[in-house]
C-alpha atoms as a PDB file:
ATOM      1  CA  MET A   1      13.837  21.938   7.295  1.00  0.00           C
ATOM      2  CA  HIS A   2      12.075  25.284   6.928  1.00  0.00           C
ATOM      3  CA  ARG A   3       8.921  23.311   5.967  1.00  0.00           C
ATOM      4  CA  VAL A   4       8.945  21.321   9.223  1.00  0.00           C
ATOM      5  CA  ALA A   5       6.135  22.655  11.403  1.00  0.00           C
ATOM      6  CA  GLU A   6       6.767  20.243  14.279  1.00  0.00           C
ATOM      7  CA  PRO A   7       8.839  19.040  15.967  1.00  0.00           C
ATOM      8  CA  PRO A   8      11.795  21.348  15.353  1.00  0.00           C
ATOM      9  CA  GLY A   9      15.184  20.000  14.370  1.00  0.00           C
ATOM     10  CA  VAL A  10      14.123  17.034  12.230  1.00  0.00           C
ATOM     11  CA  LEU A  11      14.065  16.463   8.488  1.00  0.00           C
ATOM     12  CA  PRO A  12      10.695  16.437   6.662  1.00  0.00           C
ATOM     13  CA  GLN A  13      10.289  12.655   6.590  1.00  0.00           C
ATOM     14  CA  ALA A  14      10.573  12.423  10.377  1.00  0.00           C
ATOM     15  CA  ALA A  15       8.312  15.414  11.002  1.00  0.00           C
ATOM     16  CA  ASP A  16       4.883  15.095  12.568  1.00  0.00           C
ATOM     17  CA  ARG A  17       3.576  17.974  10.465  1.00  0.00           C
ATOM     18  CA  LEU A  18       4.778  19.955   7.447  1.00  0.00           C
ATOM     19  CA  ASP A  19       4.049  23.491   6.300  1.00  0.00           C
ATOM     20  CA  THR A  20       2.067  23.393   3.025  1.00  0.00           C
ATOM     21  CA  ASP A  21       2.157  27.138   2.265  1.00  0.00           C
ATOM     22  CA  PRO A  22       1.806  27.404  -1.543  1.00  0.00           C
ATOM     23  CA  ARG A  23       4.274  30.292  -1.683  1.00  0.00           C
ATOM     24  CA  ILE A  24       7.562  28.750  -2.780  1.00  0.00           C
ATOM     25  CA  ARG A  25      11.152  29.618  -1.968  1.00  0.00           C
ATOM     26  CA  ASP A  26      13.536  30.218  -4.851  1.00  0.00           C
ATOM     27  CA  ASP A  27      14.796  26.598  -4.779  1.00  0.00           C
ATOM     28  CA  GLU A  28      11.345  24.959  -4.551  1.00  0.00           C
ATOM     29  CA  VAL A  29       8.730  23.801  -7.069  1.00  0.00           C
ATOM     30  CA  ARG A  30       4.954  23.800  -6.643  1.00  0.00           C
ATOM     31  CA  VAL A  31       2.986  21.052  -8.387  1.00  0.00           C
ATOM     32  CA  ARG A  32      -0.767  21.002  -8.990  1.00  0.00           C
ATOM     33  CA  VAL A  33      -1.686  17.495  -7.879  1.00  0.00           C
ATOM     34  CA  GLU A  34      -3.812  15.257 -10.104  1.00  0.00           C
ATOM     35  CA  ARG A  35      -3.431  11.804  -8.546  1.00  0.00           C
ATOM     36  CA  LEU A  36      -1.816  10.169  -5.546  1.00  0.00           C
ATOM     37  CA  ASN A  37      -0.562   6.597  -5.467  1.00  0.00           C
ATOM     38  CA  LEU A  38      -0.626   5.146  -1.965  1.00  0.00           C
ATOM     39  CA  ASP A  39       2.059   2.547  -1.350  1.00  0.00           C
ATOM     40  CA  ALA A  40       0.773  -1.016  -1.151  1.00  0.00           C
ATOM     41  CA  ALA A  41       1.600  -1.596   2.521  1.00  0.00           C
ATOM     42  CA  SER A  42      -0.179   1.586   3.556  1.00  0.00           C
ATOM     43  CA  TYR A  43      -3.315   0.859   1.548  1.00  0.00           C
ATOM     44  CA  ARG A  44      -3.477  -2.722   2.811  1.00  0.00           C
ATOM     45  CA  GLN A  45      -3.229  -1.521   6.418  1.00  0.00           C
ATOM     46  CA  LEU A  46      -5.969   1.063   5.890  1.00  0.00           C
ATOM     47  CA  HIS A  47      -8.180  -1.479   4.129  1.00  0.00           C
ATOM     48  CA  THR A  48      -7.719  -3.991   6.954  1.00  0.00           C
ATOM     49  CA  ALA A  49      -8.209  -1.443   9.731  1.00  0.00           C
ATOM     50  CA  HIS A  50     -11.525  -0.285   8.272  1.00  0.00           C
ATOM     51  CA  GLY A  51     -12.836  -3.649   7.142  1.00  0.00           C
ATOM     52  CA  GLY A  52     -12.666  -2.570   3.516  1.00  0.00           C
ATOM     53  CA  ASP A  53     -15.172   0.273   4.067  1.00  0.00           C
ATOM     54  CA  PRO A  54     -14.242   2.758   1.301  1.00  0.00           C
ATOM     55  CA  ASP A  55     -15.817   5.762   3.013  1.00  0.00           C
ATOM     56  CA  ARG A  56     -13.837   5.201   6.196  1.00  0.00           C
ATOM     57  CA  ILE A  57     -10.624   4.597   4.223  1.00  0.00           C
ATOM     58  CA  ARG A  58     -11.149   7.824   2.302  1.00  0.00           C
ATOM     59  CA  ALA A  59     -11.933   9.756   5.482  1.00  0.00           C
ATOM     60  CA  GLU A  60      -8.771   8.565   7.228  1.00  0.00           C
ATOM     61  CA  VAL A  61      -6.499   9.387   4.277  1.00  0.00           C
ATOM     62  CA  ALA A  62      -8.020  12.871   4.038  1.00  0.00           C
ATOM     63  CA  GLU A  63      -7.545  13.358   7.781  1.00  0.00           C
ATOM     64  CA  ILE A  64      -3.909  12.220   7.668  1.00  0.00           C
ATOM     65  CA  ILE A  65      -3.143  14.715   4.902  1.00  0.00           C
ATOM     66  CA  ARG A  66      -5.061  17.510   6.643  1.00  0.00           C
ATOM     67  CA  THR A  67      -3.399  17.085  10.020  1.00  0.00           C
ATOM     68  CA  ARG A  68       0.120  16.148   8.926  1.00  0.00           C
ATOM     69  CA  GLY A  69       0.519  18.263   5.791  1.00  0.00           C
ATOM     70  CA  LYS A  70       1.688  15.129   3.982  1.00  0.00           C
ATOM     71  CA  MET A  71       0.497  11.571   3.308  1.00  0.00           C
ATOM     72  CA  HIS A  72       2.349   9.698   6.047  1.00  0.00           C
ATOM     73  CA  ASN A  73       0.535   6.634   7.387  1.00  0.00           C
ATOM     74  CA  PRO A  74       1.211   6.646  11.151  1.00  0.00           C
ATOM     75  CA  VAL A  75       0.950   2.841  11.370  1.00  0.00           C
ATOM     76  CA  THR A  76       3.115   1.713   8.440  1.00  0.00           C
ATOM     77  CA  GLY A  77       5.269   4.833   8.326  1.00  0.00           C
ATOM     78  CA  SER A  78       4.908   4.886   4.533  1.00  0.00           C
ATOM     79  CA  GLY A  79       3.208   7.098   1.975  1.00  0.00           C
ATOM     80  CA  GLY A  80       3.406   6.762  -1.803  1.00  0.00           C
ATOM     81  CA  MET A  81       3.941   9.238  -4.627  1.00  0.00           C
ATOM     82  CA  LEU A  82       1.967  11.523  -6.940  1.00  0.00           C
ATOM     83  CA  ILE A  83       1.547  12.899 -10.435  1.00  0.00           C
ATOM     84  CA  GLY A  84       0.612  16.427 -11.358  1.00  0.00           C
ATOM     85  CA  VAL A  85       1.415  19.503 -13.427  1.00  0.00           C
ATOM     86  CA  VAL A  86       4.187  21.932 -12.516  1.00  0.00           C
ATOM     87  CA  ASP A  87       2.667  25.255 -11.427  1.00  0.00           C
ATOM     88  CA  GLU A  88       5.653  27.375 -10.462  1.00  0.00           C
ATOM     89  CA  VAL A  89       9.423  26.881 -10.390  1.00  0.00           C
ATOM     90  CA  GLY A  90      11.790  28.827  -8.174  1.00  0.00           C
ATOM     91  CA  ALA A  91      14.659  30.612  -9.907  1.00  0.00           C
ATOM     92  CA  ARG A  92      17.289  28.462  -8.156  1.00  0.00           C
ATOM     93  CA  SER A  93      15.545  25.089  -8.393  1.00  0.00           C
ATOM     94  CA  PRO A  94      18.003  22.469  -9.737  1.00  0.00           C
ATOM     95  CA  LEU A  95      15.329  19.959 -10.807  1.00  0.00           C
ATOM     96  CA  GLY A  96      15.106  21.049 -14.442  1.00  0.00           C
ATOM     97  CA  LEU A  97      11.320  21.390 -14.375  1.00  0.00           C
ATOM     98  CA  ARG A  98       9.215  23.937 -16.237  1.00  0.00           C
ATOM     99  CA  PRO A  99       5.682  25.218 -15.649  1.00  0.00           C
ATOM    100  CA  GLY A 100       3.196  23.082 -17.543  1.00  0.00           C
ATOM    101  CA  MET A 101       5.249  19.874 -17.388  1.00  0.00           C
ATOM    102  CA  ARG A 102       3.328  16.809 -16.284  1.00  0.00           C
ATOM    103  CA  VAL A 103       5.486  14.969 -13.788  1.00  0.00           C
ATOM    104  CA  ALA A 104       5.629  12.103 -11.330  1.00  0.00           C
ATOM    105  CA  THR A 105       7.390  12.724  -8.043  1.00  0.00           C
ATOM    106  CA  LEU A 106       9.939  10.032  -7.273  1.00  0.00           C
ATOM    107  CA  VAL A 107      10.210  10.863  -3.589  1.00  0.00           C
ATOM    108  CA  SER A 108       7.919   9.615  -0.864  1.00  0.00           C
ATOM    109  CA  LEU A 109       4.745  11.418   0.122  1.00  0.00           C
ATOM    110  CA  THR A 110       5.986  11.011   3.708  1.00  0.00           C
ATOM    111  CA  LEU A 111       8.336  13.939   3.144  1.00  0.00           C
ATOM    112  CA  THR A 112       6.400  15.925   0.516  1.00  0.00           C
ATOM    113  CA  PRO A 113       4.356  18.927   1.730  1.00  0.00           C
ATOM    114  CA  LEU A 114       0.850  18.183   0.433  1.00  0.00           C
ATOM    115  CA  ARG A 115      -2.570  19.813   0.624  1.00  0.00           C
ATOM    116  CA  VAL A 116      -5.740  18.518  -1.010  1.00  0.00           C
ATOM    117  CA  ASP A 117      -8.624  20.884  -1.714  1.00  0.00           C
ATOM    118  CA  ASP A 118     -11.426  18.502  -2.650  1.00  0.00           C
ATOM    119  CA  GLY A 119     -11.638  16.224   0.364  1.00  0.00           C
ATOM    120  CA  LEU A 120     -10.745  13.295  -1.940  1.00  0.00           C
ATOM    121  CA  ALA A 121     -14.358  13.412  -3.158  1.00  0.00           C
ATOM    122  CA  ARG A 122     -13.519  11.767  -6.518  1.00  0.00           C
ATOM    123  CA  TRP A 123     -11.797   8.771  -4.912  1.00  0.00           C
ATOM    124  CA  ASP A 124     -13.925   5.699  -4.261  1.00  0.00           C
ATOM    125  CA  GLY A 125     -11.514   4.390  -1.625  1.00  0.00           C
ATOM    126  CA  ARG A 126     -11.181   1.050  -3.415  1.00  0.00           C
ATOM    127  CA  SER A 127      -7.703   1.324  -4.950  1.00  0.00           C
ATOM    128  CA  GLU A 128      -4.228   2.658  -4.305  1.00  0.00           C
ATOM    129  CA  GLN A 129      -4.640   5.399  -6.938  1.00  0.00           C
ATOM    130  CA  VAL A 130      -6.367   8.506  -5.609  1.00  0.00           C
ATOM    131  CA  PRO A 131      -7.651  11.176  -8.024  1.00  0.00           C
ATOM    132  CA  THR A 132      -7.641  14.527  -6.280  1.00  0.00           C
ATOM    133  CA  ASP A 133      -6.922  18.238  -6.564  1.00  0.00           C
ATOM    134  CA  GLY A 134      -4.434  20.169  -4.484  1.00  0.00           C
ATOM    135  CA  HIS A 135      -0.789  21.154  -4.437  1.00  0.00           C
ATOM    136  CA  ALA A 136       2.543  19.686  -3.392  1.00  0.00           C
ATOM    137  CA  ILE A 137       5.968  21.231  -2.816  1.00  0.00           C
ATOM    138  CA  LEU A 138       9.213  19.766  -4.134  1.00  0.00           C
ATOM    139  CA  PHE A 139      12.546  20.642  -2.563  1.00  0.00           C
ATOM    140  CA  ALA A 140      15.915  21.141  -4.234  1.00  0.00           C
ATOM    141  CA  ARG A 141      16.815  17.538  -3.318  1.00  0.00           C
ATOM    142  CA  SER A 142      13.507  16.066  -4.434  1.00  0.00           C
ATOM    143  CA  ILE A 143      13.292  13.937  -7.569  1.00  0.00           C
ATOM    144  CA  ALA A 144      10.696  14.136 -10.330  1.00  0.00           C
ATOM    145  CA  ALA A 145      10.361  12.698 -13.825  1.00  0.00           C
ATOM    146  CA  GLU A 146       8.381  14.005 -16.759  1.00  0.00           C
ATOM    147  CA  LEU A 147       5.600  11.571 -17.617  1.00  0.00           C
ATOM    148  CA  PRO A 148       6.222   9.763 -20.930  1.00  0.00           C
ATOM    149  CA  ALA A 149       3.898  10.709 -23.767  1.00  0.00           C
ATOM    150  CA  ASP A 150       3.494   7.131 -25.004  1.00  0.00           C
ATOM    151  CA  LEU A 151       1.932   5.718 -21.812  1.00  0.00           C
ATOM    152  CA  PRO A 152      -1.303   6.582 -19.973  1.00  0.00           C
ATOM    153  CA  PRO A 153      -0.563   8.586 -16.818  1.00  0.00           C
ATOM    154  CA  GLU A 154      -2.199   5.981 -14.545  1.00  0.00           C
ATOM    155  CA  LEU A 155       0.091   3.316 -16.012  1.00  0.00           C
ATOM    156  CA  SER A 156       3.169   5.497 -15.671  1.00  0.00           C
ATOM    157  CA  LEU A 157       2.269   6.210 -12.057  1.00  0.00           C
ATOM    158  CA  ALA A 158       1.956   2.497 -11.278  1.00  0.00           C
ATOM    159  CA  VAL A 159       5.410   1.828 -12.765  1.00  0.00           C
ATOM    160  CA  LEU A 160       7.241   4.823 -11.340  1.00  0.00           C
ATOM    161  CA  ASP A 161       5.828   4.143  -7.890  1.00  0.00           C
ATOM    162  CA  VAL A 162       8.070   1.057  -7.656  1.00  0.00           C
ATOM    163  CA  CYS A 163      10.898   1.899 -10.059  1.00  0.00           C
ATOM    164  CA  GLY A 164      13.548   1.628  -7.355  1.00  0.00           C
ATOM    165  CA  ALA A 165      12.939  -2.117  -7.055  1.00  0.00           C
ATOM    166  CA  PRO A 166      14.027  -3.244 -10.532  1.00  0.00           C
ATOM    167  CA  ALA A 167      16.943  -0.807 -10.529  1.00  0.00           C
ATOM    168  CA  LEU A 168      18.458  -2.126  -7.299  1.00  0.00           C
ATOM    169  CA  THR A 169      17.657  -5.720  -8.300  1.00  0.00           C
ATOM    170  CA  SER A 170      19.537  -5.163 -11.535  1.00  0.00           C
ATOM    171  CA  ARG A 171      22.555  -3.748  -9.702  1.00  0.00           C
ATOM    172  CA  VAL A 172      22.717  -6.608  -7.184  1.00  0.00           C
ATOM    173  CA  VAL A 173      22.081  -9.413  -9.690  1.00  0.00           C
ATOM    174  CA  GLY A 174      24.758  -7.976 -11.954  1.00  0.00           C
ATOM    175  CA  SER A 175      27.322  -8.377  -9.175  1.00  0.00           C
ATOM    176  CA  TYR A 176      26.909 -12.185  -9.242  1.00  0.00           C
ATOM    177  CA  ALA A 177      27.912 -14.651 -11.938  1.00  0.00           C
ATOM    178  CA  SER A 178      24.740 -16.317 -13.272  1.00  0.00           C
ATOM    179  CA  PRO A 179      22.809 -16.253  -9.986  1.00  0.00           C
ATOM    180  CA  THR A 180      19.523 -17.826  -9.001  1.00  0.00           C
ATOM    181  CA  VAL A 181      17.049 -15.086  -8.105  1.00  0.00           C
ATOM    182  CA  ALA A 182      13.868 -15.585  -6.072  1.00  0.00           C
ATOM    183  CA  VAL A 183      11.246 -12.841  -6.020  1.00  0.00           C
ATOM    184  CA  VAL A 184       8.661 -13.039  -3.237  1.00  0.00           C
ATOM    185  CA  GLY A 185       5.434 -11.343  -4.269  1.00  0.00           C
ATOM    186  CA  ALA A 186       6.396 -11.850  -7.888  1.00  0.00           C
ATOM    187  CA  ALA A 187       3.030 -11.086  -9.513  1.00  0.00           C
ATOM    188  CA  GLY A 188       2.790  -7.580  -8.063  1.00  0.00           C
ATOM    189  CA  LYS A 189       4.103  -4.334  -9.480  1.00  0.00           C
ATOM    190  CA  SER A 190       7.568  -4.294  -7.937  1.00  0.00           C
ATOM    191  CA  GLY A 191       7.860  -8.089  -8.104  1.00  0.00           C
ATOM    192  CA  SER A 192       7.142  -8.442 -11.812  1.00  0.00           C
ATOM    193  CA  LEU A 193       9.486  -5.575 -12.675  1.00  0.00           C
ATOM    194  CA  SER A 194      12.192  -7.110 -10.491  1.00  0.00           C
ATOM    195  CA  LEU A 195      11.851 -10.443 -12.294  1.00  0.00           C
ATOM    196  CA  ALA A 196      12.279  -8.737 -15.654  1.00  0.00           C
ATOM    197  CA  ALA A 197      15.261  -6.766 -14.341  1.00  0.00           C
ATOM    198  CA  ALA A 198      16.896  -9.891 -12.893  1.00  0.00           C
ATOM    199  CA  ARG A 199      16.664 -11.732 -16.190  1.00  0.00           C
ATOM    200  CA  ARG A 200      18.112  -8.787 -18.100  1.00  0.00           C
ATOM    201  CA  ALA A 201      20.954  -8.467 -15.567  1.00  0.00           C
ATOM    202  CA  GLY A 202      22.073 -12.062 -16.110  1.00  0.00           C
ATOM    203  CA  ALA A 203      20.118 -14.294 -13.733  1.00  0.00           C
ATOM    204  CA  LYS A 204      20.612 -17.965 -14.573  1.00  0.00           C
ATOM    205  CA  ARG A 205      17.296 -18.983 -13.003  1.00  0.00           C
ATOM    206  CA  THR A 206      14.379 -16.962 -11.678  1.00  0.00           C
ATOM    207  CA  VAL A 207      11.813 -18.215  -9.176  1.00  0.00           C
ATOM    208  CA  GLY A 208       8.566 -16.311  -8.688  1.00  0.00           C
ATOM    209  CA  VAL A 209       6.866 -16.877  -5.333  1.00  0.00           C
ATOM    210  CA  VAL A 210       3.122 -16.112  -5.116  1.00  0.00           C
ATOM    211  CA  PRO A 211       0.473 -16.850  -2.472  1.00  0.00           C
ATOM    212  CA  ASN A 212      -2.320 -18.367  -4.567  1.00  0.00           C
ATOM    213  CA  GLU A 213      -3.152 -20.076  -7.837  1.00  0.00           C
ATOM    214  CA  THR A 214      -4.757 -16.977  -9.371  1.00  0.00           C
ATOM    215  CA  GLU A 215      -1.489 -15.058  -9.162  1.00  0.00           C
ATOM    216  CA  ALA A 216       0.453 -18.167 -10.190  1.00  0.00           C
ATOM    217  CA  ALA A 217      -1.580 -18.482 -13.397  1.00  0.00           C
ATOM    218  CA  ARG A 218      -1.026 -14.814 -14.184  1.00  0.00           C
ATOM    219  CA  LEU A 219       2.703 -15.107 -13.625  1.00  0.00           C
ATOM    220  CA  ARG A 220       3.045 -18.336 -15.640  1.00  0.00           C
ATOM    221  CA  ALA A 221       1.251 -16.688 -18.557  1.00  0.00           C
ATOM    222  CA  SER A 222       3.700 -13.793 -18.465  1.00  0.00           C
ATOM    223  CA  GLY A 223       6.778 -16.018 -18.837  1.00  0.00           C
ATOM    224  CA  LEU A 224       8.741 -13.690 -16.552  1.00  0.00           C
ATOM    225  CA  ALA A 225       9.790 -16.480 -14.156  1.00  0.00           C
ATOM    226  CA  ASP A 226      11.517 -19.740 -15.017  1.00  0.00           C
ATOM    227  CA  GLU A 227       9.674 -21.364 -12.130  1.00  0.00           C
ATOM    228  CA  VAL A 228       6.507 -20.294 -10.318  1.00  0.00           C
ATOM    229  CA  VAL A 229       5.896 -21.631  -6.800  1.00  0.00           C
ATOM    230  CA  LEU A 230       3.139 -21.158  -4.234  1.00  0.00           C
ATOM    231  CA  ALA A 231       3.949 -20.318  -0.628  1.00  0.00           C
ATOM    232  CA  ASP A 232       2.771 -18.148   2.218  1.00  0.00           C
ATOM    233  CA  ALA A 233       5.739 -15.828   2.664  1.00  0.00           C
ATOM    234  CA  ARG A 234       4.928 -15.558   6.387  1.00  0.00           C
ATOM    235  CA  ASP A 235       5.658 -19.277   6.842  1.00  0.00           C
ATOM    236  CA  PRO A 236       9.491 -19.523   6.936  1.00  0.00           C
ATOM    237  CA  ILE A 237       9.738 -23.267   6.337  1.00  0.00           C
ATOM    238  CA  ALA A 238       7.156 -23.286   3.555  1.00  0.00           C
ATOM    239  CA  LEU A 239       8.863 -20.403   1.764  1.00  0.00           C
ATOM    240  CA  ALA A 240      12.329 -21.945   2.009  1.00  0.00           C
ATOM    241  CA  GLU A 241      11.048 -25.315   0.783  1.00  0.00           C
ATOM    242  CA  ALA A 242       9.190 -23.714  -2.124  1.00  0.00           C
ATOM    243  CA  VAL A 243      12.322 -21.921  -3.331  1.00  0.00           C
ATOM    244  CA  GLY A 244      14.400 -25.091  -2.967  1.00  0.00           C
ATOM    245  CA  ASP A 245      18.175 -24.748  -3.124  1.00  0.00           C
ATOM    246  CA  GLY A 246      18.915 -21.342  -1.669  1.00  0.00           C
ATOM    247  CA  ALA A 247      18.686 -18.368  -4.001  1.00  0.00           C
ATOM    248  CA  ASP A 248      21.731 -16.187  -4.491  1.00  0.00           C
ATOM    249  CA  VAL A 249      19.468 -13.137  -4.467  1.00  0.00           C
ATOM    250  CA  THR A 250      16.062 -12.985  -2.784  1.00  0.00           C
ATOM    251  CA  VAL A 251      13.884  -9.946  -3.461  1.00  0.00           C
ATOM    252  CA  VAL A 252      10.999  -9.339  -1.040  1.00  0.00           C
ATOM    253  CA  CYS A 253       8.149  -7.356  -2.593  1.00  0.00           C
ATOM    254  CA  VAL A 254       5.157  -8.388  -0.462  1.00  0.00           C
ATOM    255  CA  ASP A 255       3.030  -5.844   1.385  1.00  0.00           C
ATOM    256  CA  VAL A 256       2.379  -7.854   4.571  1.00  0.00           C
ATOM    257  CA  PRO A 257       4.544  -8.125   7.701  1.00  0.00           C
ATOM    258  CA  GLY A 258       6.233 -11.276   8.922  1.00  0.00           C
ATOM    259  CA  CYS A 259       8.153 -12.335   5.811  1.00  0.00           C
ATOM    260  CA  GLU A 260      11.661 -11.613   7.052  1.00  0.00           C
ATOM    261  CA  HIS A 261      12.684 -15.043   8.362  1.00  0.00           C
ATOM    262  CA  GLY A 262      11.377 -16.933   5.351  1.00  0.00           C
ATOM    263  CA  ALA A 263      13.353 -14.724   2.992  1.00  0.00           C
ATOM    264  CA  ILE A 264      16.520 -15.315   5.019  1.00  0.00           C
ATOM    265  CA  LEU A 265      16.008 -19.086   5.059  1.00  0.00           C
ATOM    266  CA  ALA A 266      15.370 -19.089   1.304  1.00  0.00           C
ATOM    267  CA  THR A 267      18.735 -17.427   0.604  1.00  0.00           C
ATOM    268  CA  ALA A 268      21.993 -19.301   0.166  1.00  0.00           C
ATOM    269  CA  SER A 269      25.013 -18.610   2.346  1.00  0.00           C
ATOM    270  CA  GLY A 270      26.815 -15.585   0.944  1.00  0.00           C
ATOM    271  CA  GLY A 271      23.659 -14.427  -0.807  1.00  0.00           C
ATOM    272  CA  THR A 272      21.744 -11.162  -0.634  1.00  0.00           C
ATOM    273  CA  VAL A 273      18.231 -10.362   0.538  1.00  0.00           C
ATOM    274  CA  ILE A 274      16.662  -7.138  -0.746  1.00  0.00           C
ATOM    275  CA  PHE A 275      13.700  -5.912   1.291  1.00  0.00           C
ATOM    276  CA  PHE A 276      11.436  -3.644  -0.754  1.00  0.00           C
ATOM    277  CA  SER A 277       8.348  -3.950   1.408  1.00  0.00           C
ATOM    278  CA  MET A 278       7.513  -1.116   3.781  1.00  0.00           C
ATOM    279  CA  ALA A 279       5.888  -3.801   5.940  1.00  0.00           C
ATOM    280  CA  THR A 280       9.341  -5.185   6.754  1.00  0.00           C
ATOM    281  CA  SER A 281      10.543  -5.189  10.363  1.00  0.00           C
ATOM    282  CA  PHE A 282      14.232  -4.531  10.040  1.00  0.00           C
ATOM    283  CA  SER A 283      14.877  -5.524  13.655  1.00  0.00           C
ATOM    284  CA  ALA A 284      13.171  -8.873  12.958  1.00  0.00           C
ATOM    285  CA  ALA A 285      15.347  -9.305   9.876  1.00  0.00           C
ATOM    286  CA  ALA A 286      18.602  -8.486  11.670  1.00  0.00           C
ATOM    287  CA  LEU A 287      17.894 -10.548  14.782  1.00  0.00           C
ATOM    288  CA  GLY A 288      16.412 -13.383  12.751  1.00  0.00           C
ATOM    289  CA  ALA A 289      19.512 -13.653  10.583  1.00  0.00           C
ATOM    290  CA  GLU A 290      21.683 -13.680  13.691  1.00  0.00           C
ATOM    291  CA  GLY A 291      19.557 -16.354  15.333  1.00  0.00           C
ATOM    292  CA  LEU A 292      19.653 -18.510  12.215  1.00  0.00           C
ATOM    293  CA  ALA A 293      23.434 -18.043  11.829  1.00  0.00           C
ATOM    294  CA  ALA A 294      22.692 -16.885   8.296  1.00  0.00           C
ATOM    295  CA  ASP A 295      25.627 -15.386   6.418  1.00  0.00           C
ATOM    296  CA  VAL A 296      23.578 -13.129   4.145  1.00  0.00           C
ATOM    297  CA  THR A 297      23.788  -9.491   3.165  1.00  0.00           C
ATOM    298  CA  MET A 298      20.514  -7.652   3.763  1.00  0.00           C
ATOM    299  CA  LEU A 299      19.691  -4.484   1.872  1.00  0.00           C
ATOM    300  CA  ILE A 300      16.932  -1.941   2.400  1.00  0.00           C
ATOM    301  CA  GLY A 301      15.430  -0.927  -0.927  1.00  0.00           C
ATOM    302  CA  ASN A 302      15.341   2.827  -0.436  1.00  0.00           C
ATOM    303  CA  GLY A 303      13.488   3.584  -3.663  1.00  0.00           C
ATOM    304  CA  TYR A 304      16.282   5.564  -5.302  1.00  0.00           C
ATOM    305  CA  VAL A 305      18.945   4.336  -7.693  1.00  0.00           C
ATOM    306  CA  PRO A 306      20.309   6.666 -10.391  1.00  0.00           C
ATOM    307  CA  GLY A 307      18.415   6.040 -13.638  1.00  0.00           C
ATOM    308  CA  HIS A 308      15.685   4.041 -11.930  1.00  0.00           C
ATOM    309  CA  ALA A 309      12.756   5.657 -13.751  1.00  0.00           C
ATOM    310  CA  GLU A 310      14.259   5.166 -17.194  1.00  0.00           C
ATOM    311  CA  LEU A 311      15.147   1.538 -16.450  1.00  0.00           C
ATOM    312  CA  ALA A 312      11.642   0.651 -15.257  1.00  0.00           C
ATOM    313  CA  LEU A 313       9.922   2.307 -18.206  1.00  0.00           C
ATOM    314  CA  ASP A 314      12.320   0.622 -20.623  1.00  0.00           C
ATOM    315  CA  LEU A 315      11.545  -2.778 -19.116  1.00  0.00           C
ATOM    316  CA  LEU A 316       7.832  -2.113 -19.522  1.00  0.00           C
ATOM    317  CA  ARG A 317       8.230  -1.178 -23.186  1.00  0.00           C
ATOM    318  CA  ALA A 318      10.537  -4.112 -23.923  1.00  0.00           C
ATOM    319  CA  GLU A 319       8.411  -6.826 -22.260  1.00  0.00           C
ATOM    320  CA  PRO A 320       4.923  -7.080 -23.801  1.00  0.00           C
ATOM    321  CA  THR A 321       3.713  -9.507 -21.134  1.00  0.00           C
ATOM    322  CA  LEU A 322       4.920  -7.171 -18.384  1.00  0.00           C
ATOM    323  CA  LEU A 323       3.075  -4.298 -20.025  1.00  0.00           C
ATOM    324  CA  LYS A 324      -0.064  -6.449 -20.193  1.00  0.00           C
ATOM    325  CA  MET A 325       0.168  -7.269 -16.478  1.00  0.00           C
ATOM    326  CA  PHE A 326       0.400  -3.595 -15.575  1.00  0.00           C
ATOM    327  CA  GLN A 327      -2.441  -2.645 -17.905  1.00  0.00           C
ATOM    328  CA  GLU A 328      -4.693  -5.284 -16.385  1.00  0.00           C
ATOM    329  CA  ARG A 329      -3.816  -4.162 -12.871  1.00  0.00           C
ATOM    330  CA  VAL A 330      -4.562  -0.510 -13.626  1.00  0.00           C
ATOM    331  CA  GLU A 331      -7.832  -1.362 -15.370  1.00  0.00           C
ATOM    332  CA  THR A 332      -8.916  -3.520 -12.435  1.00  0.00           C
ATOM    333  CA  GLU A 333      -8.172  -0.741  -9.966  1.00  0.00           C
END
């Protein structure tokens, strides 16, 4: 809380502005930032708000960081994560980091003190990954992982940005006996990893829901889903009909609002819905389930499960088609 500039009395994630002083306390770590990864919901909102104009997108992101001391989108409430090189480690830091280590932070940019020194000049504003130069501060309760030597850093960043999704999917699927699992937004980063995790955890049948034929073709080619269906996740009836008999576990990985009721309708009585999208309205989910008399458990994917980074990277290495999907995505961006 000593890094909270305003208002007083709140934790860093809830703060309007953080203190980015590069001088660290003895339980902090300073990281020289190389690249940010904006979360998908935040980038989509910025892209929509500015009509896709990359200069205006870049200017707003730079202004958010400058005024808030962190990357915290005021509309979506979400941020992202970063990679960089450890500069300095406080004597009492429990994170196990050393100067010179190249790391990815596994905590949100919405609570990470951040300053950029280049005005984001090297970013073209056209993708979620933002090359930049600056520094970030990690707290004693932050989480960071050393980047693996066998993967390009941009690829590692794309995977680690969403590593909480497959980890929680694996935990939930493993609590059922041979469940049917539906993943909404299945061709994206968190969706494709969640499909792979569900299969490994014992899913009897996996259904990948995508919005268009381009993504459907990509997902069919990967072989990650037993069945690929097209549906607009914002249309509750269409989504439920596309999934068919209710799924035991429905994983929502889309980056647009308005998908709550469809996910609930697509889930069988006694099933579980996992919301990983920061575009989710949790009041809409709760009230919608009540109004539909839906006996489902609804979980917020909070991005942290012990061992989540290792699980996601292992899935990527073990599934050649998953690795190919991520490589193509990173190259396109």
